[in-house]
C-alpha atoms as a PDB file:
ATOM      1  CA  TYR A   1      -2.496   5.487 -11.041  1.00  0.00           C
ATOM      2  CA  LYS A   2      -2.042   9.019  -9.381  1.00  0.00           C
ATOM      3  CA  ILE A   3      -5.273   9.846  -7.669  1.00  0.00           C
ATOM      4  CA  PRO A   4      -5.266  13.077  -5.710  1.00  0.00           C
ATOM      5  CA  LEU A   5      -6.732  13.105  -2.199  1.00  0.00           C
ATOM      6  CA  LEU A   6      -7.664  16.316  -0.583  1.00  0.00           C
ATOM      7  CA  ILE A   7      -8.166  16.189   3.297  1.00  0.00           C
ATOM      8  CA  TYR A   8      -9.557  19.365   5.144  1.00  0.00           C
ATOM      9  CA  GLY A   9     -11.416  20.101   8.359  1.00  0.00           C
ATOM     10  CA  PRO A  10     -10.831  20.312  12.142  1.00  0.00           C
ATOM     11  CA  ALA A  11      -9.591  16.570  12.393  1.00  0.00           C
ATOM     12  CA  LEU A  12      -6.506  17.473  10.308  1.00  0.00           C
ATOM     13  CA  LYS A  13      -3.569  18.441  12.771  1.00  0.00           C
ATOM     14  CA  LYS A  14      -2.061  21.829  12.025  1.00  0.00           C
ATOM     15  CA  GLU A  15       1.355  20.502  11.166  1.00  0.00           C
ATOM     16  CA  TYR A  16      -0.175  18.901   8.133  1.00  0.00           C
ATOM     17  CA  GLN A  17      -2.435  21.792   6.949  1.00  0.00           C
ATOM     18  CA  GLY A  18      -1.009  22.671   3.585  1.00  0.00           C
ATOM     19  CA  TYR A  19       1.377  19.853   3.530  1.00  0.00           C
ATOM     20  CA  ASN A  20       1.927  18.233   0.003  1.00  0.00           C
ATOM     21  CA  PHE A  21       2.313  14.608   0.271  1.00  0.00           C
ATOM     22  CA  THR A  22       3.861  12.700  -2.173  1.00  0.00           C
ATOM     23  CA  LYS A  23       4.776   9.025  -0.827  1.00  0.00           C
ATOM     24  CA  ILE A  24       3.167   6.045  -2.478  1.00  0.00           C
ATOM     25  CA  MET A  25       0.037   4.780  -0.512  1.00  0.00           C
ATOM     26  CA  SER A  26      -3.128   2.973  -1.354  1.00  0.00           C
ATOM     27  CA  GLN A  27      -6.678   3.430  -0.580  1.00  0.00           C
ATOM     28  CA  LEU A  28      -6.324   1.187   2.395  1.00  0.00           C
ATOM     29  CA  ASP A  29      -4.114   3.559   3.969  1.00  0.00           C
ATOM     30  CA  ILE A  30      -6.860   6.314   4.190  1.00  0.00           C
ATOM     31  CA  THR A  31      -8.194   4.496   7.313  1.00  0.00           C
ATOM     32  CA  GLY A  32      -4.653   4.706   9.135  1.00  0.00           C
ATOM     33  CA  LEU A  33      -4.283   8.357   8.031  1.00  0.00           C
ATOM     34  CA  LEU A  34      -7.661   9.448   9.251  1.00  0.00           C
ATOM     35  CA  TYR A  35      -7.458   7.309  12.504  1.00  0.00           C
ATOM     36  CA  GLY A  36      -3.945   8.604  13.111  1.00  0.00           C
ATOM     37  CA  GLN A  37      -4.978  12.276  12.781  1.00  0.00           C
ATOM     38  CA  MET A  38      -7.587  11.600  15.588  1.00  0.00           C
ATOM     39  CA  ASP A  39      -4.965   9.721  17.509  1.00  0.00           C
ATOM     40  CA  MET A  40      -7.148   6.572  17.362  1.00  0.00           C
ATOM     41  CA  ALA A  41      -5.801   3.007  17.530  1.00  0.00           C
ATOM     42  CA  TYR A  42      -6.441   1.206  14.308  1.00  0.00           C
ATOM     43  CA  SER A  43      -3.897  -1.619  13.705  1.00  0.00           C
ATOM     44  CA  ILE A  44      -5.718  -4.490  15.385  1.00  0.00           C
ATOM     45  CA  LYS A  45      -9.158  -3.919  13.530  1.00  0.00           C
ATOM     46  CA  TYR A  46      -7.388  -2.782  10.251  1.00  0.00           C
ATOM     47  CA  PRO A  47      -3.966  -4.775  10.121  1.00  0.00           C
ATOM     48  CA  PHE A  48      -3.175  -3.790   6.423  1.00  0.00           C
ATOM     49  CA  THR A  49      -3.659   0.001   6.849  1.00  0.00           C
ATOM     50  CA  ARG A  50      -0.810   2.300   7.695  1.00  0.00           C
ATOM     51  CA  ASN A  51      -0.708   5.800   8.517  1.00  0.00           C
ATOM     52  CA  PRO A  52       1.478   7.146   5.738  1.00  0.00           C
ATOM     53  CA  LEU A  53       2.171  10.333   7.713  1.00  0.00           C
ATOM     54  CA  LYS A  54       4.123   8.547  10.314  1.00  0.00           C
ATOM     55  CA  GLU A  55       7.933   8.665  10.039  1.00  0.00           C
ATOM     56  CA  ASN A  56       9.300   5.493   8.247  1.00  0.00           C
ATOM     57  CA  ALA A  57       5.839   4.349   7.010  1.00  0.00           C
ATOM     58  CA  PRO A  58       6.381   1.747   4.217  1.00  0.00           C
ATOM     59  CA  GLU A  59       5.486   3.053   0.869  1.00  0.00           C
ATOM     60  CA  ILE A  60       3.452   0.362  -0.852  1.00  0.00           C
ATOM     61  CA  ALA A  61       0.140   0.117  -2.884  1.00  0.00           C
ATOM     62  CA  PHE A  62      -1.632  -3.257  -3.328  1.00  0.00           C
ATOM     63  CA  TYR A  63      -4.018  -3.353  -6.228  1.00  0.00           C
ATOM     64  CA  ASN A  64      -6.457  -6.212  -7.808  1.00  0.00           C
ATOM     65  CA  TYR A  65      -7.859  -6.446 -11.318  1.00  0.00           C
ATOM     66  CA  PRO A  66      -9.845  -9.161 -13.166  1.00  0.00           C
ATOM     67  CA  GLY A  67      -7.286 -11.993 -13.301  1.00  0.00           C
ATOM     68  CA  GLY A  68      -4.593 -10.734 -11.126  1.00  0.00           C
ATOM     69  CA  SER A  69      -2.977  -8.418  -8.596  1.00  0.00           C
ATOM     70  CA  GLY A  70      -0.015  -6.472  -7.982  1.00  0.00           C
ATOM     71  CA  ILE A  71       2.047  -4.247  -5.618  1.00  0.00           C
ATOM     72  CA  VAL A  72       3.841  -0.933  -6.221  1.00  0.00           C
ATOM     73  CA  THR A  73       6.816   0.372  -4.168  1.00  0.00           C
ATOM     74  CA  PRO A  74       9.492   2.891  -4.597  1.00  0.00           C
ATOM     75  CA  LYS A  75      11.757   0.102  -5.961  1.00  0.00           C
ATOM     76  CA  GLY A  76       9.163  -0.628  -8.767  1.00  0.00           C
ATOM     77  CA  SER A  77       6.140  -2.784  -9.439  1.00  0.00           C
ATOM     78  CA  LEU A  78       5.093  -6.389  -9.644  1.00  0.00           C
ATOM     79  CA  SER A  79       2.076  -7.957 -11.049  1.00  0.00           C
ATOM     80  CA  LYS A  80       0.931 -11.543 -10.995  1.00  0.00           C
ATOM     81  CA  ASP A  81      -1.546 -11.958 -14.049  1.00  0.00           C
ATOM     82  CA  LEU A  82      -3.354 -15.250 -14.606  1.00  0.00           C
ATOM     83  CA  ASN A  83      -3.673 -14.443 -18.141  1.00  0.00           C
ATOM     84  CA  PHE A  84       0.021 -14.672 -18.659  1.00  0.00           C
ATOM     85  CA  LYS A  85       0.434 -18.225 -17.263  1.00  0.00           C
ATOM     86  CA  GLY A  86       1.254 -17.140 -14.022  1.00  0.00           C
ATOM     87  CA  LYS A  87       4.387 -15.269 -15.093  1.00  0.00           C
ATOM     88  CA  ASN A  88       5.294 -12.039 -13.152  1.00  0.00           C
ATOM     89  CA  LEU A  89       5.241  -8.701 -14.777  1.00  0.00           C
ATOM     90  CA  HIS A  90       7.637  -6.184 -13.232  1.00  0.00           C
ATOM     91  CA  ASP A  91       9.091  -2.848 -13.645  1.00  0.00           C
ATOM     92  CA  LEU A  92      11.857  -2.827 -11.337  1.00  0.00           C
ATOM     93  CA  LYS A  93      14.501   0.141 -11.037  1.00  0.00           C
ATOM     94  CA  ASP A  94      17.271  -2.237  -9.938  1.00  0.00           C
ATOM     95  CA  GLU A  95      17.028  -5.532 -11.486  1.00  0.00           C
ATOM     96  CA  LYS A  96      19.328  -7.402  -8.989  1.00  0.00           C
ATOM     97  CA  ASP A  97      16.484  -6.853  -6.405  1.00  0.00           C
ATOM     98  CA  GLU A  98      14.022  -8.921  -8.573  1.00  0.00           C
ATOM     99  CA  LYS A  99      14.148 -12.106  -6.533  1.00  0.00           C
ATOM    100  CA  ALA A 100      14.037 -10.414  -3.066  1.00  0.00           C
ATOM    101  CA  PHE A 101      11.128  -8.342  -4.333  1.00  0.00           C
ATOM    102  CA  GLU A 102       9.330 -11.251  -5.608  1.00  0.00           C
ATOM    103  CA  VAL A 103       9.657 -13.232  -2.366  1.00  0.00           C
ATOM    104  CA  TRP A 104       8.540 -10.231  -0.362  1.00  0.00           C
ATOM    105  CA  VAL A 105       5.411  -9.683  -2.513  1.00  0.00           C
ATOM    106  CA  ASP A 106       4.603 -13.417  -2.407  1.00  0.00           C
ATOM    107  CA  LYS A 107       4.794 -13.193   1.440  1.00  0.00           C
ATOM    108  CA  TYR A 108       2.648 -10.103   1.459  1.00  0.00           C
ATOM    109  CA  LEU A 109      -0.055 -11.327  -0.914  1.00  0.00           C
ATOM    110  CA  HIS A 110       0.022 -14.688   1.345  1.00  0.00           C
ATOM    111  CA  GLU A 111      -0.555 -12.800   4.431  1.00  0.00           C
ATOM    112  CA  ALA A 112      -3.381 -10.712   2.773  1.00  0.00           C
ATOM    113  CA  SER A 113      -5.155 -13.899   1.463  1.00  0.00           C
ATOM    114  CA  VAL A 114      -4.932 -15.639   4.934  1.00  0.00           C
ATOM    115  CA  TYR A 115      -6.601 -12.556   6.610  1.00  0.00           C
ATOM    116  CA  LEU A 116      -9.346 -12.163   4.045  1.00  0.00           C
ATOM    117  CA  LYS A 117     -10.134 -16.041   4.154  1.00  0.00           C
ATOM    118  CA  GLY A 118     -10.543 -15.500   8.150  1.00  0.00           C
ATOM    119  CA  MET A 119     -13.192 -12.728   7.580  1.00  0.00           C
END
């Protein structure tokens, strides 16, 4: 999905006024973006948010849907859908990265599930 987000007002730093941001991010990153604009710490309380305006911020979006979950990065996307007997559905730009991408996604999903179980 491509969902536009418009931010305006006095909390928006001048260097970002009129800025057209096109990097991959998720709704979770809105917290980090807003806290970053106000120079407030957020990573302890919200470990899965990032400030996408920071230099070298990872481009990633995680999503859930009934029966599965997935992840989108500039290298492509990967979904784990239980309706397809656990097979991974992917759309990678470079097939040789498939295994490394799957390992990275599995690690990310595991860390997210451990975090959520501790809440």
